[in-house]
Amino acid sequence: MAVMLNEQGMERHATALGHACKRLELNEADGIYAMQEVLRRLRGVRFADADDQEIFEGLVGQLRKTLNDRAEQLELLPRS
């Protein structure tokens, strides 16, 4: 996802994604919250190419599901 974002000139989004990944490595719970915030920001990302958009949305959906499943396993409460 970060490569796709960088290729579209969305370096800030790619950087935020990278930072959230690092937080996941250091502290899983905080990383999950950070990644969920990044995913909220990625909702508005649009690619000119429809195939790229479909791939990106699929990746975002997979990541969202995985994060939600893990948050449930850890019994994390949603942050407001």
N, C-alpha and C. Protein backbone atom coordinates (compact mmCIF):
# COMPACT_ATOMS: atom_id res chain seq x y z
N MET A 1 0.81 -1.18 0.00
CA MET A 1 0.00 0.00 0.00
C MET A 1 0.86 1.25 0.00
N ALA A 2 1.93 1.22 0.77
CA ALA A 2 2.81 2.40 0.84
C ALA A 2 3.42 2.70 -0.52
N VAL A 3 3.81 1.67 -1.24
CA VAL A 3 4.40 1.87 -2.58
C VAL A 3 3.37 2.51 -3.49
N MET A 4 2.13 2.01 -3.45
CA MET A 4 1.08 2.58 -4.29
C MET A 4 0.86 4.05 -3.95
N LEU A 5 0.85 4.36 -2.66
CA LEU A 5 0.65 5.75 -2.23
C LEU A 5 1.80 6.64 -2.69
N ASN A 6 3.01 6.16 -2.52
CA ASN A 6 4.18 6.94 -2.96
C ASN A 6 4.15 7.18 -4.46
N GLU A 7 3.76 6.17 -5.22
CA GLU A 7 3.70 6.32 -6.67
C GLU A 7 2.68 7.37 -7.10
N GLN A 8 1.69 7.61 -6.27
CA GLN A 8 0.66 8.60 -6.57
C GLN A 8 0.98 9.97 -5.96
N GLY A 9 2.17 10.09 -5.38
CA GLY A 9 2.58 11.36 -4.78
C GLY A 9 1.96 11.61 -3.41
N MET A 10 1.51 10.57 -2.77
CA MET A 10 0.88 10.70 -1.45
C MET A 10 1.85 10.25 -0.36
N GLU A 11 2.98 10.95 -0.31
CA GLU A 11 4.05 10.57 0.62
C GLU A 11 3.60 10.66 2.07
N ARG A 12 2.80 11.67 2.41
CA ARG A 12 2.35 11.81 3.81
C ARG A 12 1.53 10.61 4.25
N HIS A 13 0.67 10.13 3.37
CA HIS A 13 -0.13 8.94 3.69
C HIS A 13 0.77 7.72 3.86
N ALA A 14 1.74 7.58 2.97
CA ALA A 14 2.66 6.44 3.04
C ALA A 14 3.50 6.51 4.32
N THR A 15 3.93 7.70 4.68
CA THR A 15 4.70 7.87 5.91
C THR A 15 3.87 7.53 7.13
N ALA A 16 2.62 7.99 7.16
CA ALA A 16 1.74 7.68 8.29
C ALA A 16 1.52 6.17 8.41
N LEU A 17 1.38 5.51 7.28
CA LEU A 17 1.23 4.06 7.26
C LEU A 17 2.48 3.39 7.85
N GLY A 18 3.64 3.86 7.45
CA GLY A 18 4.89 3.32 7.97
C GLY A 18 5.05 3.52 9.46
N HIS A 19 4.68 4.71 9.93
CA HIS A 19 4.76 4.98 11.37
C HIS A 19 3.82 4.07 12.16
N ALA A 20 2.63 3.86 11.64
CA ALA A 20 1.68 2.97 12.31
C ALA A 20 2.22 1.54 12.36
N CYS A 21 2.88 1.11 11.29
CA CYS A 21 3.50 -0.23 11.27
C CYS A 21 4.56 -0.35 12.36
N LYS A 22 5.37 0.68 12.51
CA LYS A 22 6.40 0.66 13.55
C LYS A 22 5.77 0.59 14.94
N ARG A 23 4.68 1.33 15.13
CA ARG A 23 4.01 1.30 16.44
C ARG A 23 3.44 -0.09 16.72
N LEU A 24 2.97 -0.77 15.67
CA LEU A 24 2.49 -2.15 15.85
C LEU A 24 3.59 -3.05 16.36
N GLU A 25 4.81 -2.84 15.86
CA GLU A 25 5.95 -3.65 16.29
C GLU A 25 6.33 -3.37 17.74
N LEU A 26 6.21 -2.11 18.15
CA LEU A 26 6.64 -1.72 19.49
C LEU A 26 5.59 -1.98 20.55
N ASN A 27 4.34 -1.70 20.23
CA ASN A 27 3.24 -1.86 21.19
C ASN A 27 2.00 -2.18 20.38
N GLU A 28 1.60 -3.43 20.40
CA GLU A 28 0.53 -3.88 19.51
C GLU A 28 -0.76 -3.09 19.67
N ALA A 29 -1.19 -2.87 20.90
CA ALA A 29 -2.45 -2.16 21.11
C ALA A 29 -2.39 -0.73 20.56
N ASP A 30 -1.34 0.00 20.91
CA ASP A 30 -1.20 1.36 20.39
C ASP A 30 -1.07 1.36 18.87
N GLY A 31 -0.39 0.37 18.34
CA GLY A 31 -0.23 0.26 16.90
C GLY A 31 -1.55 0.00 16.18
N ILE A 32 -2.39 -0.81 16.80
CA ILE A 32 -3.71 -1.06 16.22
C ILE A 32 -4.51 0.23 16.15
N TYR A 33 -4.51 0.98 17.24
CA TYR A 33 -5.23 2.26 17.24
C TYR A 33 -4.65 3.22 16.20
N ALA A 34 -3.33 3.27 16.10
CA ALA A 34 -2.69 4.15 15.12
C ALA A 34 -3.04 3.73 13.70
N MET A 35 -3.02 2.44 13.44
CA MET A 35 -3.33 1.95 12.10
C MET A 35 -4.80 2.21 11.76
N GLN A 36 -5.68 2.05 12.72
CA GLN A 36 -7.09 2.34 12.47
C GLN A 36 -7.29 3.81 12.10
N GLU A 37 -6.55 4.70 12.73
CA GLU A 37 -6.61 6.12 12.39
C GLU A 37 -6.11 6.37 10.97
N VAL A 38 -5.03 5.72 10.61
CA VAL A 38 -4.50 5.85 9.24
C VAL A 38 -5.54 5.35 8.24
N LEU A 39 -6.17 4.24 8.53
CA LEU A 39 -7.17 3.69 7.62
C LEU A 39 -8.35 4.65 7.44
N ARG A 40 -8.72 5.36 8.50
CA ARG A 40 -9.78 6.37 8.36
C ARG A 40 -9.36 7.45 7.38
N ARG A 41 -8.11 7.84 7.43
CA ARG A 41 -7.61 8.88 6.52
C ARG A 41 -7.48 8.38 5.08
N LEU A 42 -7.30 7.08 4.92
CA LEU A 42 -7.14 6.52 3.59
C LEU A 42 -8.47 6.35 2.85
N ARG A 43 -9.58 6.54 3.55
CA ARG A 43 -10.89 6.40 2.90
C ARG A 43 -11.04 7.32 1.70
N GLY A 44 -10.46 8.50 1.77
CA GLY A 44 -10.61 9.48 0.71
C GLY A 44 -9.61 9.34 -0.43
N VAL A 45 -8.72 8.37 -0.34
CA VAL A 45 -7.71 8.20 -1.39
C VAL A 45 -8.36 7.66 -2.65
N ARG A 46 -8.09 8.32 -3.77
CA ARG A 46 -8.63 7.90 -5.06
C ARG A 46 -7.50 7.82 -6.07
N PHE A 47 -7.46 6.72 -6.80
CA PHE A 47 -6.49 6.52 -7.86
C PHE A 47 -7.17 6.77 -9.21
N ALA A 48 -6.41 7.28 -10.15
CA ALA A 48 -6.95 7.54 -11.49
C ALA A 48 -7.29 6.23 -12.19
N ASP A 49 -6.48 5.22 -11.96
CA ASP A 49 -6.68 3.92 -12.60
C ASP A 49 -7.65 3.08 -11.77
N ALA A 50 -8.72 2.60 -12.41
CA ALA A 50 -9.75 1.83 -11.70
C ALA A 50 -9.19 0.53 -11.13
N ASP A 51 -8.27 -0.12 -11.84
CA ASP A 51 -7.69 -1.36 -11.32
C ASP A 51 -6.86 -1.09 -10.07
N ASP A 52 -6.08 -0.02 -10.09
CA ASP A 52 -5.30 0.35 -8.90
C ASP A 52 -6.23 0.65 -7.73
N GLN A 53 -7.33 1.33 -8.01
CA GLN A 53 -8.29 1.66 -6.95
C GLN A 53 -8.87 0.39 -6.34
N GLU A 54 -9.21 -0.56 -7.18
CA GLU A 54 -9.78 -1.81 -6.70
C GLU A 54 -8.77 -2.59 -5.85
N ILE A 55 -7.54 -2.65 -6.31
CA ILE A 55 -6.48 -3.33 -5.55
C ILE A 55 -6.28 -2.64 -4.20
N PHE A 56 -6.18 -1.32 -4.22
CA PHE A 56 -5.95 -0.57 -2.98
C PHE A 56 -7.10 -0.78 -2.00
N GLU A 57 -8.32 -0.70 -2.48
CA GLU A 57 -9.48 -0.89 -1.60
C GLU A 57 -9.51 -2.31 -1.03
N GLY A 58 -9.09 -3.28 -1.83
CA GLY A 58 -9.02 -4.65 -1.34
C GLY A 58 -7.99 -4.79 -0.22
N LEU A 59 -6.84 -4.16 -0.40
CA LEU A 59 -5.79 -4.20 0.63
C LEU A 59 -6.25 -3.50 1.90
N VAL A 60 -6.89 -2.36 1.75
CA VAL A 60 -7.40 -1.63 2.91
C VAL A 60 -8.43 -2.48 3.64
N GLY A 61 -9.32 -3.13 2.90
CA GLY A 61 -10.33 -3.98 3.51
C GLY A 61 -9.73 -5.15 4.27
N GLN A 62 -8.72 -5.78 3.69
CA GLN A 62 -8.05 -6.90 4.37
C GLN A 62 -7.37 -6.43 5.64
N LEU A 63 -6.70 -5.29 5.57
CA LEU A 63 -6.01 -4.76 6.75
C LEU A 63 -7.02 -4.39 7.83
N ARG A 64 -8.10 -3.75 7.44
CA ARG A 64 -9.14 -3.36 8.41
C ARG A 64 -9.69 -4.59 9.12
N LYS A 65 -10.00 -5.65 8.35
CA LYS A 65 -10.54 -6.87 8.95
C LYS A 65 -9.55 -7.50 9.92
N THR A 66 -8.30 -7.59 9.51
CA THR A 66 -7.27 -8.18 10.35
C THR A 66 -7.10 -7.38 11.65
N LEU A 67 -7.07 -6.05 11.53
CA LEU A 67 -6.93 -5.21 12.72
C LEU A 67 -8.13 -5.37 13.65
N ASN A 68 -9.32 -5.38 13.08
CA ASN A 68 -10.51 -5.52 13.91
C ASN A 68 -10.55 -6.88 14.61
N ASP A 69 -10.16 -7.93 13.89
CA ASP A 69 -10.12 -9.26 14.49
C ASP A 69 -9.12 -9.31 15.64
N ARG A 70 -7.94 -8.73 15.42
CA ARG A 70 -6.92 -8.74 16.47
C ARG A 70 -7.33 -7.87 17.65
N ALA A 71 -7.95 -6.73 17.38
CA ALA A 71 -8.42 -5.86 18.47
C ALA A 71 -9.46 -6.61 19.31
N GLU A 72 -10.30 -7.38 18.66
CA GLU A 72 -11.29 -8.17 19.38
C GLU A 72 -10.62 -9.23 20.24
N GLN A 73 -9.60 -9.89 19.69
CA GLN A 73 -8.86 -10.90 20.45
C GLN A 73 -8.20 -10.29 21.68
N LEU A 74 -7.69 -9.08 21.53
CA LEU A 74 -7.03 -8.40 22.65
C LEU A 74 -8.02 -7.70 23.56
N GLU A 75 -9.30 -7.75 23.19
CA GLU A 75 -10.37 -7.10 23.95
C GLU A 75 -10.13 -5.61 24.11
N LEU A 76 -9.68 -4.99 23.00
CA LEU A 76 -9.47 -3.56 23.02
C LEU A 76 -10.80 -2.85 22.80
N LEU A 77 -10.99 -1.78 23.52
CA LEU A 77 -12.19 -0.98 23.35
C LEU A 77 -11.95 0.06 22.27
N PRO A 78 -12.99 0.38 21.51
CA PRO A 78 -12.81 1.45 20.50
C PRO A 78 -12.48 2.76 21.17
N ARG A 79 -11.60 3.51 20.54
CA ARG A 79 -11.28 4.85 21.03
C ARG A 79 -12.22 5.83 20.38
N SER A 80 -12.66 6.80 21.14
CA SER A 80 -13.57 7.80 20.56
C SER A 80 -12.83 8.98 20.03
